[in-house]
Amino acid sequence: MRFCGNCGTRLPVTSGLLGTAAAASPAISPEKMGAMMGADLLERFRQAGLEAAGQRRNVTVLFVDITGYTALSQRLDPEEVYDIIQQYSRLLASDVYKYEGMVDKFTGDGLMALFGAPIAYENNAERAIRAALDMQTEVVQMAQPVRERVDVELRVRIGLNAGIVIVGSVGSNMLMNYTAIGDTV
């Protein structure tokens, strides 16, 4: 472990079976983490000199997805569904970025976002709640034309959970994602 199990402070680098802690999980540059964060957040990530290697963090995780997605998919042409999901995804991501969270992944008709990683704030949970409330309001506005056209009620389900996770790059040299792992997720 490279961080204190109690307070999260970085422990000194020691040699071990693989030489050094850095050799066990090399830092990944933010450029290799994908375009899942706003340009401003990516720049602050660089300025902070944060590593993508596993770090213990207290984060708030936000999950959101559409209710009524199956009915929508059955009633519309796939291209129309694609356009709606694109618009919806941009709306959700902008709400995450507005409160300085990071989109961890898109999940088809939803997304997972982190508040508190890679950049931590004292009010991560509040930021996640504000993003969730904005999402609900904006999806109601976006859903009205869809409801009028195909009589499908689009709503979102949002789940939030806060706690300790390990964040870092997970994957292989062919595909690497910065994500959170732990019971909180």
N, C-alpha and C. Protein backbone atom coordinates (compact mmCIF):
# COMPACT_ATOMS: atom_id res chain seq x y z
N MET A 1 0.85 -1.17 0.00
CA MET A 1 0.00 0.00 0.00
C MET A 1 0.90 1.23 0.00
N ARG A 2 0.56 2.22 -0.83
CA ARG A 2 1.35 3.44 -0.91
C ARG A 2 0.76 4.59 -0.13
N PHE A 3 -0.41 4.37 0.53
CA PHE A 3 -1.07 5.42 1.29
C PHE A 3 -1.47 4.88 2.64
N CYS A 4 -1.45 5.71 3.65
CA CYS A 4 -1.84 5.34 5.00
C CYS A 4 -3.30 4.87 4.99
N GLY A 5 -3.56 3.73 5.61
CA GLY A 5 -4.90 3.18 5.68
C GLY A 5 -5.84 3.99 6.54
N ASN A 6 -5.31 4.86 7.41
CA ASN A 6 -6.16 5.67 8.29
C ASN A 6 -6.43 7.05 7.73
N CYS A 7 -5.38 7.76 7.30
CA CYS A 7 -5.56 9.16 6.91
C CYS A 7 -5.38 9.41 5.41
N GLY A 8 -4.85 8.45 4.65
CA GLY A 8 -4.69 8.62 3.22
C GLY A 8 -3.41 9.31 2.80
N THR A 9 -2.52 9.63 3.76
CA THR A 9 -1.26 10.30 3.44
C THR A 9 -0.36 9.36 2.67
N ARG A 10 0.35 9.92 1.66
CA ARG A 10 1.27 9.12 0.86
C ARG A 10 2.41 8.59 1.74
N LEU A 11 2.69 7.29 1.61
CA LEU A 11 3.80 6.67 2.33
C LEU A 11 5.07 6.80 1.52
N PRO A 12 6.23 6.78 2.17
CA PRO A 12 7.49 6.87 1.41
C PRO A 12 7.64 5.68 0.48
N VAL A 13 8.27 5.93 -0.69
CA VAL A 13 8.50 4.88 -1.67
C VAL A 13 9.59 3.95 -1.13
N THR A 14 9.29 2.65 -1.15
CA THR A 14 10.26 1.65 -0.70
C THR A 14 10.44 0.63 -1.80
N SER A 15 11.59 -0.02 -1.80
CA SER A 15 11.78 -1.07 -2.80
C SER A 15 11.13 -2.34 -2.29
N GLY A 16 10.65 -3.13 -3.21
CA GLY A 16 9.97 -4.38 -2.87
C GLY A 16 10.24 -5.39 -3.95
N LEU A 17 9.33 -6.30 -4.14
CA LEU A 17 9.51 -7.36 -5.12
C LEU A 17 9.68 -6.83 -6.54
N LEU A 18 9.01 -5.74 -6.85
CA LEU A 18 9.08 -5.19 -8.21
C LEU A 18 10.03 -4.02 -8.32
N GLY A 19 10.84 -3.76 -7.31
CA GLY A 19 11.80 -2.65 -7.36
C GLY A 19 11.31 -1.46 -6.57
N THR A 20 10.26 -0.79 -7.03
CA THR A 20 9.70 0.35 -6.32
C THR A 20 8.19 0.32 -6.44
N ALA A 21 7.55 1.08 -5.61
CA ALA A 21 6.09 1.19 -5.70
C ALA A 21 5.69 1.75 -7.05
N ALA A 22 6.49 2.67 -7.58
CA ALA A 22 6.17 3.26 -8.88
C ALA A 22 6.25 2.22 -9.99
N ALA A 23 7.16 1.27 -9.87
CA ALA A 23 7.27 0.24 -10.89
C ALA A 23 6.06 -0.69 -10.87
N ALA A 24 5.45 -0.86 -9.70
CA ALA A 24 4.30 -1.75 -9.60
C ALA A 24 3.08 -1.19 -10.33
N SER A 25 2.90 0.12 -10.29
CA SER A 25 1.79 0.74 -11.02
C SER A 25 2.22 2.12 -11.48
N PRO A 26 2.77 2.22 -12.68
CA PRO A 26 3.30 3.49 -13.15
C PRO A 26 2.22 4.54 -13.29
N ALA A 27 2.64 5.79 -13.13
CA ALA A 27 1.70 6.90 -13.31
C ALA A 27 1.31 6.99 -14.77
N ILE A 28 0.06 7.31 -15.01
CA ILE A 28 -0.45 7.46 -16.37
C ILE A 28 -0.74 8.94 -16.57
N SER A 29 -0.33 9.47 -17.70
CA SER A 29 -0.59 10.88 -17.95
C SER A 29 -2.07 11.12 -18.15
N PRO A 30 -2.57 12.30 -17.76
CA PRO A 30 -3.99 12.59 -17.94
C PRO A 30 -4.45 12.47 -19.39
N GLU A 31 -3.56 12.70 -20.35
CA GLU A 31 -3.96 12.59 -21.76
C GLU A 31 -4.43 11.18 -22.09
N LYS A 32 -3.88 10.15 -21.40
CA LYS A 32 -4.24 8.78 -21.68
C LYS A 32 -5.50 8.35 -20.95
N MET A 33 -6.09 9.26 -20.19
CA MET A 33 -7.27 8.91 -19.42
C MET A 33 -8.55 9.13 -20.21
N GLY A 34 -8.48 9.58 -21.43
CA GLY A 34 -9.67 9.78 -22.23
C GLY A 34 -10.22 11.18 -22.10
N ALA A 35 -11.30 11.43 -22.80
CA ALA A 35 -11.91 12.77 -22.82
C ALA A 35 -13.12 12.81 -21.91
N MET A 36 -13.04 12.18 -20.75
CA MET A 36 -14.18 12.08 -19.87
C MET A 36 -14.23 13.18 -18.83
N MET A 37 -13.38 14.19 -18.97
CA MET A 37 -13.43 15.31 -18.03
C MET A 37 -13.37 16.60 -18.81
N GLY A 38 -13.94 17.65 -18.26
CA GLY A 38 -13.93 18.94 -18.92
C GLY A 38 -12.52 19.46 -19.09
N ALA A 39 -12.31 20.32 -20.08
CA ALA A 39 -10.98 20.85 -20.36
C ALA A 39 -10.40 21.58 -19.15
N ASP A 40 -11.22 22.32 -18.43
CA ASP A 40 -10.75 23.04 -17.26
C ASP A 40 -10.28 22.08 -16.18
N LEU A 41 -11.05 21.01 -15.95
CA LEU A 41 -10.67 20.03 -14.93
C LEU A 41 -9.38 19.31 -15.34
N LEU A 42 -9.26 18.98 -16.61
CA LEU A 42 -8.05 18.31 -17.10
C LEU A 42 -6.84 19.20 -16.86
N GLU A 43 -6.97 20.50 -17.11
CA GLU A 43 -5.85 21.42 -16.88
C GLU A 43 -5.50 21.51 -15.40
N ARG A 44 -6.50 21.57 -14.52
CA ARG A 44 -6.21 21.61 -13.08
C ARG A 44 -5.60 20.30 -12.61
N PHE A 45 -5.98 19.20 -13.23
CA PHE A 45 -5.39 17.89 -12.93
C PHE A 45 -3.90 17.93 -13.25
N ARG A 46 -3.55 18.50 -14.42
CA ARG A 46 -2.14 18.62 -14.79
C ARG A 46 -1.38 19.53 -13.82
N GLN A 47 -1.97 20.69 -13.50
CA GLN A 47 -1.31 21.65 -12.62
C GLN A 47 -1.08 21.08 -11.23
N ALA A 48 -2.01 20.26 -10.77
CA ALA A 48 -1.86 19.67 -9.44
C ALA A 48 -0.81 18.57 -9.44
N GLY A 49 -0.40 18.12 -10.62
CA GLY A 49 0.61 17.07 -10.71
C GLY A 49 0.11 15.75 -10.18
N LEU A 50 -1.18 15.51 -10.30
CA LEU A 50 -1.75 14.29 -9.76
C LEU A 50 -1.39 13.09 -10.61
N GLU A 51 -1.18 11.98 -9.96
CA GLU A 51 -0.90 10.74 -10.65
C GLU A 51 -2.20 10.00 -10.91
N ALA A 52 -2.18 9.14 -11.88
CA ALA A 52 -3.33 8.30 -12.13
C ALA A 52 -3.16 6.96 -11.43
N ALA A 53 -2.04 6.77 -10.71
CA ALA A 53 -1.82 5.54 -9.96
C ALA A 53 -2.80 5.51 -8.79
N GLY A 54 -3.08 4.30 -8.28
CA GLY A 54 -4.08 4.13 -7.24
C GLY A 54 -3.87 5.02 -6.03
N GLN A 55 -4.91 5.76 -5.67
CA GLN A 55 -4.89 6.64 -4.50
C GLN A 55 -6.15 6.41 -3.68
N ARG A 56 -6.01 6.45 -2.38
CA ARG A 56 -7.15 6.33 -1.47
C ARG A 56 -7.80 7.70 -1.39
N ARG A 57 -9.12 7.76 -1.67
CA ARG A 57 -9.84 9.03 -1.66
C ARG A 57 -11.22 8.85 -1.05
N ASN A 58 -11.69 9.93 -0.45
CA ASN A 58 -13.07 9.99 0.00
C ASN A 58 -13.84 10.71 -1.10
N VAL A 59 -14.73 10.00 -1.79
CA VAL A 59 -15.43 10.56 -2.93
C VAL A 59 -16.93 10.37 -2.77
N THR A 60 -17.67 11.12 -3.58
CA THR A 60 -19.10 10.87 -3.76
C THR A 60 -19.27 10.39 -5.18
N VAL A 61 -19.92 9.23 -5.32
CA VAL A 61 -20.15 8.63 -6.63
C VAL A 61 -21.60 8.89 -7.01
N LEU A 62 -21.82 9.32 -8.25
CA LEU A 62 -23.15 9.59 -8.77
C LEU A 62 -23.39 8.65 -9.94
N PHE A 63 -24.50 7.92 -9.88
CA PHE A 63 -24.97 7.11 -11.00
C PHE A 63 -26.29 7.69 -11.47
N VAL A 64 -26.49 7.75 -12.77
CA VAL A 64 -27.76 8.23 -13.32
C VAL A 64 -28.08 7.43 -14.57
N ASP A 65 -29.35 7.08 -14.73
CA ASP A 65 -29.79 6.46 -15.98
C ASP A 65 -31.22 6.85 -16.26
N ILE A 66 -31.65 6.59 -17.49
CA ILE A 66 -33.00 6.96 -17.94
C ILE A 66 -33.98 5.85 -17.58
N THR A 67 -35.14 6.23 -17.05
CA THR A 67 -36.25 5.28 -16.96
C THR A 67 -37.04 5.46 -18.24
N GLY A 68 -37.59 4.38 -18.73
CA GLY A 68 -38.35 4.46 -19.98
C GLY A 68 -37.49 4.30 -21.22
N TYR A 69 -36.23 3.94 -21.05
CA TYR A 69 -35.32 3.83 -22.18
C TYR A 69 -35.73 2.70 -23.13
N THR A 70 -36.16 1.57 -22.57
CA THR A 70 -36.55 0.44 -23.42
C THR A 70 -37.76 0.81 -24.27
N ALA A 71 -38.78 1.43 -23.65
CA ALA A 71 -39.97 1.85 -24.41
C ALA A 71 -39.59 2.85 -25.49
N LEU A 72 -38.71 3.77 -25.16
CA LEU A 72 -38.25 4.75 -26.14
C LEU A 72 -37.57 4.06 -27.31
N SER A 73 -36.71 3.11 -27.02
CA SER A 73 -35.97 2.39 -28.06
C SER A 73 -36.90 1.59 -28.97
N GLN A 74 -37.98 1.09 -28.40
CA GLN A 74 -38.92 0.30 -29.19
C GLN A 74 -39.78 1.16 -30.10
N ARG A 75 -40.02 2.41 -29.74
CA ARG A 75 -40.93 3.27 -30.50
C ARG A 75 -40.24 4.16 -31.52
N LEU A 76 -38.93 4.34 -31.38
CA LEU A 76 -38.22 5.24 -32.28
C LEU A 76 -37.21 4.49 -33.13
N ASP A 77 -36.84 5.10 -34.23
CA ASP A 77 -35.77 4.60 -35.07
C ASP A 77 -34.45 4.69 -34.28
N PRO A 78 -33.55 3.73 -34.45
CA PRO A 78 -32.28 3.77 -33.71
C PRO A 78 -31.51 5.09 -33.86
N GLU A 79 -31.58 5.72 -35.03
CA GLU A 79 -30.88 6.99 -35.22
C GLU A 79 -31.49 8.09 -34.34
N GLU A 80 -32.80 8.07 -34.19
CA GLU A 80 -33.46 9.05 -33.32
C GLU A 80 -33.10 8.80 -31.85
N VAL A 81 -33.05 7.53 -31.46
CA VAL A 81 -32.65 7.19 -30.10
C VAL A 81 -31.22 7.65 -29.86
N TYR A 82 -30.36 7.42 -30.83
CA TYR A 82 -28.96 7.85 -30.73
C TYR A 82 -28.88 9.36 -30.51
N ASP A 83 -29.63 10.12 -31.27
CA ASP A 83 -29.61 11.58 -31.13
C ASP A 83 -30.08 12.01 -29.74
N ILE A 84 -31.12 11.38 -29.24
CA ILE A 84 -31.62 11.70 -27.89
C ILE A 84 -30.57 11.37 -26.84
N ILE A 85 -29.94 10.22 -26.96
CA ILE A 85 -28.91 9.81 -25.98
C ILE A 85 -27.71 10.75 -26.06
N GLN A 86 -27.34 11.18 -27.24
CA GLN A 86 -26.23 12.14 -27.37
C GLN A 86 -26.56 13.44 -26.64
N GLN A 87 -27.75 13.96 -26.88
CA GLN A 87 -28.18 15.21 -26.23
C GLN A 87 -28.24 15.02 -24.71
N TYR A 88 -28.82 13.94 -24.29
CA TYR A 88 -28.94 13.61 -22.87
C TYR A 88 -27.56 13.47 -22.22
N SER A 89 -26.64 12.79 -22.87
CA SER A 89 -25.29 12.59 -22.32
C SER A 89 -24.55 13.91 -22.17
N ARG A 90 -24.67 14.79 -23.16
CA ARG A 90 -24.04 16.11 -23.06
C ARG A 90 -24.63 16.90 -21.90
N LEU A 91 -25.94 16.82 -21.73
CA LEU A 91 -26.61 17.53 -20.64
C LEU A 91 -26.09 17.02 -19.28
N LEU A 92 -26.06 15.71 -19.11
CA LEU A 92 -25.60 15.14 -17.84
C LEU A 92 -24.14 15.48 -17.56
N ALA A 93 -23.31 15.33 -18.59
CA ALA A 93 -21.88 15.62 -18.41
C ALA A 93 -21.65 17.08 -18.06
N SER A 94 -22.39 17.98 -18.69
CA SER A 94 -22.19 19.40 -18.38
C SER A 94 -22.58 19.71 -16.94
N ASP A 95 -23.59 19.02 -16.41
CA ASP A 95 -23.95 19.21 -15.00
C ASP A 95 -22.86 18.68 -14.07
N VAL A 96 -22.25 17.58 -14.45
CA VAL A 96 -21.13 17.05 -13.65
C VAL A 96 -19.99 18.06 -13.65
N TYR A 97 -19.61 18.56 -14.82
CA TYR A 97 -18.49 19.48 -14.93
C TYR A 97 -18.77 20.82 -14.25
N LYS A 98 -20.04 21.24 -14.30
CA LYS A 98 -20.41 22.51 -13.68
C LYS A 98 -20.05 22.51 -12.19
N TYR A 99 -20.16 21.34 -11.56
CA TYR A 99 -19.85 21.24 -10.13
C TYR A 99 -18.50 20.56 -9.89
N GLU A 100 -17.67 20.58 -10.92
CA GLU A 100 -16.28 20.13 -10.87
C GLU A 100 -16.11 18.67 -10.50
N GLY A 101 -17.04 17.86 -10.99
CA GLY A 101 -16.90 16.42 -10.90
C GLY A 101 -16.22 15.90 -12.16
N MET A 102 -16.08 14.59 -12.22
CA MET A 102 -15.47 13.95 -13.38
C MET A 102 -16.35 12.81 -13.85
N VAL A 103 -16.66 12.78 -15.14
CA VAL A 103 -17.40 11.65 -15.69
C VAL A 103 -16.45 10.46 -15.71
N ASP A 104 -16.81 9.42 -14.98
CA ASP A 104 -16.00 8.20 -14.95
C ASP A 104 -16.28 7.37 -16.19
N LYS A 105 -17.56 7.16 -16.48
CA LYS A 105 -17.92 6.37 -17.66
C LYS A 105 -19.36 6.64 -18.07
N PHE A 106 -19.61 6.47 -19.36
CA PHE A 106 -20.96 6.49 -19.88
C PHE A 106 -21.42 5.04 -19.95
N THR A 107 -22.68 4.80 -19.62
CA THR A 107 -23.20 3.43 -19.55
C THR A 107 -24.41 3.28 -20.46
N GLY A 108 -24.30 3.70 -21.70
CA GLY A 108 -25.42 3.61 -22.63
C GLY A 108 -26.42 4.71 -22.36
N ASP A 109 -27.39 4.44 -21.49
CA ASP A 109 -28.41 5.44 -21.18
C ASP A 109 -28.14 6.11 -19.85
N GLY A 110 -26.90 6.09 -19.39
CA GLY A 110 -26.56 6.72 -18.12
C GLY A 110 -25.09 7.03 -18.02
N LEU A 111 -24.71 7.44 -16.82
CA LEU A 111 -23.29 7.68 -16.57
C LEU A 111 -22.97 7.50 -15.10
N MET A 112 -21.68 7.36 -14.85
CA MET A 112 -21.13 7.33 -13.49
C MET A 112 -20.17 8.50 -13.39
N ALA A 113 -20.27 9.27 -12.31
CA ALA A 113 -19.40 10.43 -12.11
C ALA A 113 -18.80 10.38 -10.72
N LEU A 114 -17.63 10.98 -10.60
CA LEU A 114 -16.92 11.06 -9.31
C LEU A 114 -16.80 12.51 -8.89
N PHE A 115 -17.07 12.77 -7.64
CA PHE A 115 -16.86 14.08 -7.03
C PHE A 115 -15.87 13.85 -5.89
N GLY A 116 -14.67 14.43 -6.02
CA GLY A 116 -13.62 14.22 -5.03
C GLY A 116 -12.41 13.53 -5.60
N ALA A 117 -12.44 13.21 -6.87
CA ALA A 117 -11.29 12.63 -7.54
C ALA A 117 -11.40 13.01 -9.02
N PRO A 118 -10.38 13.42 -9.64
CA PRO A 118 -9.02 13.54 -9.14
C PRO A 118 -8.82 14.76 -8.24
N ILE A 119 -9.69 15.76 -8.31
CA ILE A 119 -9.55 16.95 -7.48
C ILE A 119 -10.56 16.84 -6.34
N ALA A 120 -10.09 17.00 -5.10
CA ALA A 120 -10.97 16.89 -3.93
C ALA A 120 -11.35 18.28 -3.42
N TYR A 121 -12.58 18.36 -2.92
CA TYR A 121 -13.10 19.57 -2.29
C TYR A 121 -13.72 19.18 -0.96
N GLU A 122 -13.88 20.15 -0.08
CA GLU A 122 -14.49 19.87 1.22
C GLU A 122 -15.95 19.49 1.09
N ASN A 123 -16.61 19.92 0.01
CA ASN A 123 -18.04 19.70 -0.14
C ASN A 123 -18.36 18.81 -1.35
N ASN A 124 -17.65 17.69 -1.49
CA ASN A 124 -17.88 16.80 -2.62
C ASN A 124 -19.33 16.32 -2.68
N ALA A 125 -19.89 15.94 -1.55
CA ALA A 125 -21.26 15.42 -1.53
C ALA A 125 -22.25 16.51 -1.95
N GLU A 126 -22.06 17.73 -1.47
CA GLU A 126 -22.94 18.83 -1.86
C GLU A 126 -22.88 19.07 -3.36
N ARG A 127 -21.68 19.03 -3.92
CA ARG A 127 -21.52 19.24 -5.36
C ARG A 127 -22.27 18.16 -6.15
N ALA A 128 -22.16 16.91 -5.70
CA ALA A 128 -22.85 15.81 -6.37
C ALA A 128 -24.37 15.98 -6.29
N ILE A 129 -24.86 16.39 -5.13
CA ILE A 129 -26.30 16.60 -4.96
C ILE A 129 -26.79 17.73 -5.86
N ARG A 130 -26.04 18.81 -5.92
CA ARG A 130 -26.43 19.93 -6.79
C ARG A 130 -26.46 19.50 -8.26
N ALA A 131 -25.47 18.70 -8.67
CA ALA A 131 -25.45 18.19 -10.05
C ALA A 131 -26.68 17.32 -10.29
N ALA A 132 -27.02 16.46 -9.33
CA ALA A 132 -28.18 15.57 -9.48
C ALA A 132 -29.47 16.36 -9.60
N LEU A 133 -29.63 17.40 -8.79
CA LEU A 133 -30.84 18.23 -8.85
C LEU A 133 -30.94 18.94 -10.20
N ASP A 134 -29.82 19.46 -10.68
CA ASP A 134 -29.82 20.11 -12.00
C ASP A 134 -30.18 19.10 -13.10
N MET A 135 -29.64 17.89 -12.99
CA MET A 135 -29.94 16.85 -13.99
C MET A 135 -31.45 16.59 -14.04
N GLN A 136 -32.05 16.44 -12.87
CA GLN A 136 -33.49 16.16 -12.83
C GLN A 136 -34.29 17.28 -13.50
N THR A 137 -33.95 18.51 -13.18
CA THR A 137 -34.65 19.66 -13.75
C THR A 137 -34.48 19.72 -15.26
N GLU A 138 -33.28 19.55 -15.75
CA GLU A 138 -33.00 19.68 -17.18
C GLU A 138 -33.56 18.52 -17.99
N VAL A 139 -33.57 17.32 -17.41
CA VAL A 139 -34.14 16.18 -18.13
C VAL A 139 -35.65 16.36 -18.28
N VAL A 140 -36.33 16.94 -17.29
CA VAL A 140 -37.77 17.22 -17.41
C VAL A 140 -38.01 18.13 -18.62
N GLN A 141 -37.18 19.16 -18.77
CA GLN A 141 -37.34 20.07 -19.91
C GLN A 141 -37.05 19.37 -21.23
N MET A 142 -36.02 18.55 -21.24
CA MET A 142 -35.64 17.83 -22.45
C MET A 142 -36.70 16.79 -22.82
N ALA A 143 -37.37 16.23 -21.84
CA ALA A 143 -38.31 15.13 -22.08
C ALA A 143 -39.63 15.58 -22.68
N GLN A 144 -39.98 16.83 -22.53
CA GLN A 144 -41.30 17.29 -23.00
C GLN A 144 -41.50 17.05 -24.50
N PRO A 145 -40.57 17.46 -25.38
CA PRO A 145 -40.80 17.20 -26.81
C PRO A 145 -40.85 15.71 -27.13
N VAL A 146 -40.08 14.90 -26.40
CA VAL A 146 -40.09 13.45 -26.63
C VAL A 146 -41.46 12.90 -26.23
N ARG A 147 -41.98 13.33 -25.11
CA ARG A 147 -43.29 12.88 -24.63
C ARG A 147 -44.39 13.24 -25.63
N GLU A 148 -44.33 14.46 -26.15
CA GLU A 148 -45.34 14.90 -27.12
C GLU A 148 -45.27 14.10 -28.41
N ARG A 149 -44.08 13.70 -28.79
CA ARG A 149 -43.89 13.01 -30.06
C ARG A 149 -44.22 11.52 -29.99
N VAL A 150 -43.73 10.83 -28.95
CA VAL A 150 -43.88 9.36 -28.91
C VAL A 150 -44.57 8.85 -27.65
N ASP A 151 -45.10 9.74 -26.83
CA ASP A 151 -45.83 9.36 -25.62
C ASP A 151 -45.02 8.43 -24.71
N VAL A 152 -43.75 8.77 -24.52
CA VAL A 152 -42.88 8.07 -23.57
C VAL A 152 -42.39 9.09 -22.55
N GLU A 153 -42.55 8.76 -21.30
CA GLU A 153 -42.12 9.65 -20.22
C GLU A 153 -40.66 9.35 -19.88
N LEU A 154 -39.77 10.30 -20.20
CA LEU A 154 -38.36 10.15 -19.85
C LEU A 154 -38.13 10.77 -18.48
N ARG A 155 -37.58 9.99 -17.61
CA ARG A 155 -37.16 10.47 -16.29
C ARG A 155 -35.82 9.84 -16.00
N VAL A 156 -35.17 10.36 -14.99
CA VAL A 156 -33.88 9.78 -14.60
C VAL A 156 -33.96 9.23 -13.19
N ARG A 157 -33.18 8.18 -12.98
CA ARG A 157 -32.94 7.65 -11.64
C ARG A 157 -31.52 8.04 -11.29
N ILE A 158 -31.35 8.57 -10.10
CA ILE A 158 -30.02 9.00 -9.69
C ILE A 158 -29.71 8.40 -8.33
N GLY A 159 -28.55 7.80 -8.23
CA GLY A 159 -28.08 7.26 -6.96
C GLY A 159 -26.77 7.92 -6.57
N LEU A 160 -26.64 8.23 -5.30
CA LEU A 160 -25.41 8.84 -4.77
C LEU A 160 -24.92 8.01 -3.60
N ASN A 161 -23.61 7.87 -3.49
CA ASN A 161 -23.02 7.21 -2.33
C ASN A 161 -21.66 7.84 -2.08
N ALA A 162 -21.31 8.00 -0.82
CA ALA A 162 -20.03 8.62 -0.47
C ALA A 162 -19.25 7.67 0.42
N GLY A 163 -17.93 7.70 0.26
CA GLY A 163 -17.07 6.88 1.09
C GLY A 163 -15.68 6.77 0.50
N ILE A 164 -14.91 5.87 1.09
CA ILE A 164 -13.51 5.66 0.69
C ILE A 164 -13.44 4.70 -0.48
N VAL A 165 -12.66 5.08 -1.49
CA VAL A 165 -12.40 4.25 -2.66
C VAL A 165 -10.91 4.34 -2.99
N ILE A 166 -10.49 3.51 -3.89
CA ILE A 166 -9.17 3.66 -4.52
C ILE A 166 -9.45 4.14 -5.93
N VAL A 167 -8.84 5.26 -6.31
CA VAL A 167 -8.99 5.78 -7.67
C VAL A 167 -7.67 5.65 -8.39
N GLY A 168 -7.75 5.38 -9.65
CA GLY A 168 -6.54 5.28 -10.46
C GLY A 168 -6.86 4.66 -11.80
N SER A 169 -5.83 4.45 -12.56
CA SER A 169 -5.98 3.86 -13.88
C SER A 169 -6.10 2.35 -13.77
N VAL A 170 -7.14 1.82 -14.39
CA VAL A 170 -7.39 0.39 -14.38
C VAL A 170 -7.48 -0.06 -15.82
N GLY A 171 -6.85 -1.15 -16.14
CA GLY A 171 -6.91 -1.68 -17.49
C GLY A 171 -5.56 -2.21 -17.92
N SER A 172 -5.32 -2.11 -19.21
CA SER A 172 -4.06 -2.57 -19.78
C SER A 172 -3.50 -1.48 -20.66
N ASN A 173 -2.36 -1.77 -21.30
CA ASN A 173 -1.78 -0.75 -22.16
C ASN A 173 -2.60 -0.53 -23.43
N MET A 174 -3.61 -1.37 -23.68
CA MET A 174 -4.47 -1.18 -24.85
C MET A 174 -5.67 -0.29 -24.52
N LEU A 175 -6.14 -0.30 -23.29
CA LEU A 175 -7.25 0.55 -22.87
C LEU A 175 -7.12 0.80 -21.37
N MET A 176 -7.01 2.06 -21.00
CA MET A 176 -6.81 2.43 -19.61
C MET A 176 -7.90 3.42 -19.23
N ASN A 177 -8.56 3.20 -18.11
CA ASN A 177 -9.59 4.11 -17.61
C ASN A 177 -9.25 4.53 -16.20
N TYR A 178 -9.39 5.82 -15.92
CA TYR A 178 -9.29 6.34 -14.56
C TYR A 178 -10.64 6.10 -13.92
N THR A 179 -10.69 5.34 -12.84
CA THR A 179 -11.97 4.97 -12.24
C THR A 179 -11.80 4.80 -10.74
N ALA A 180 -12.91 4.54 -10.07
CA ALA A 180 -12.93 4.29 -8.63
C ALA A 180 -13.32 2.85 -8.38
N ILE A 181 -12.66 2.26 -7.39
CA ILE A 181 -12.95 0.87 -7.03
C ILE A 181 -13.13 0.80 -5.52
N GLY A 182 -14.13 0.06 -5.09
CA GLY A 182 -14.37 -0.13 -3.66
C GLY A 182 -15.85 -0.30 -3.40
N ASP A 183 -16.19 -0.62 -2.16
CA ASP A 183 -17.56 -0.88 -1.78
C ASP A 183 -18.45 0.32 -2.00
N THR A 184 -17.92 1.53 -1.86
CA THR A 184 -18.71 2.74 -2.06
C THR A 184 -19.31 2.79 -3.46
N VAL A 185 -18.57 2.33 -4.45
CA VAL A 185 -19.06 2.32 -5.83
C VAL A 185 -20.18 1.32 -5.96
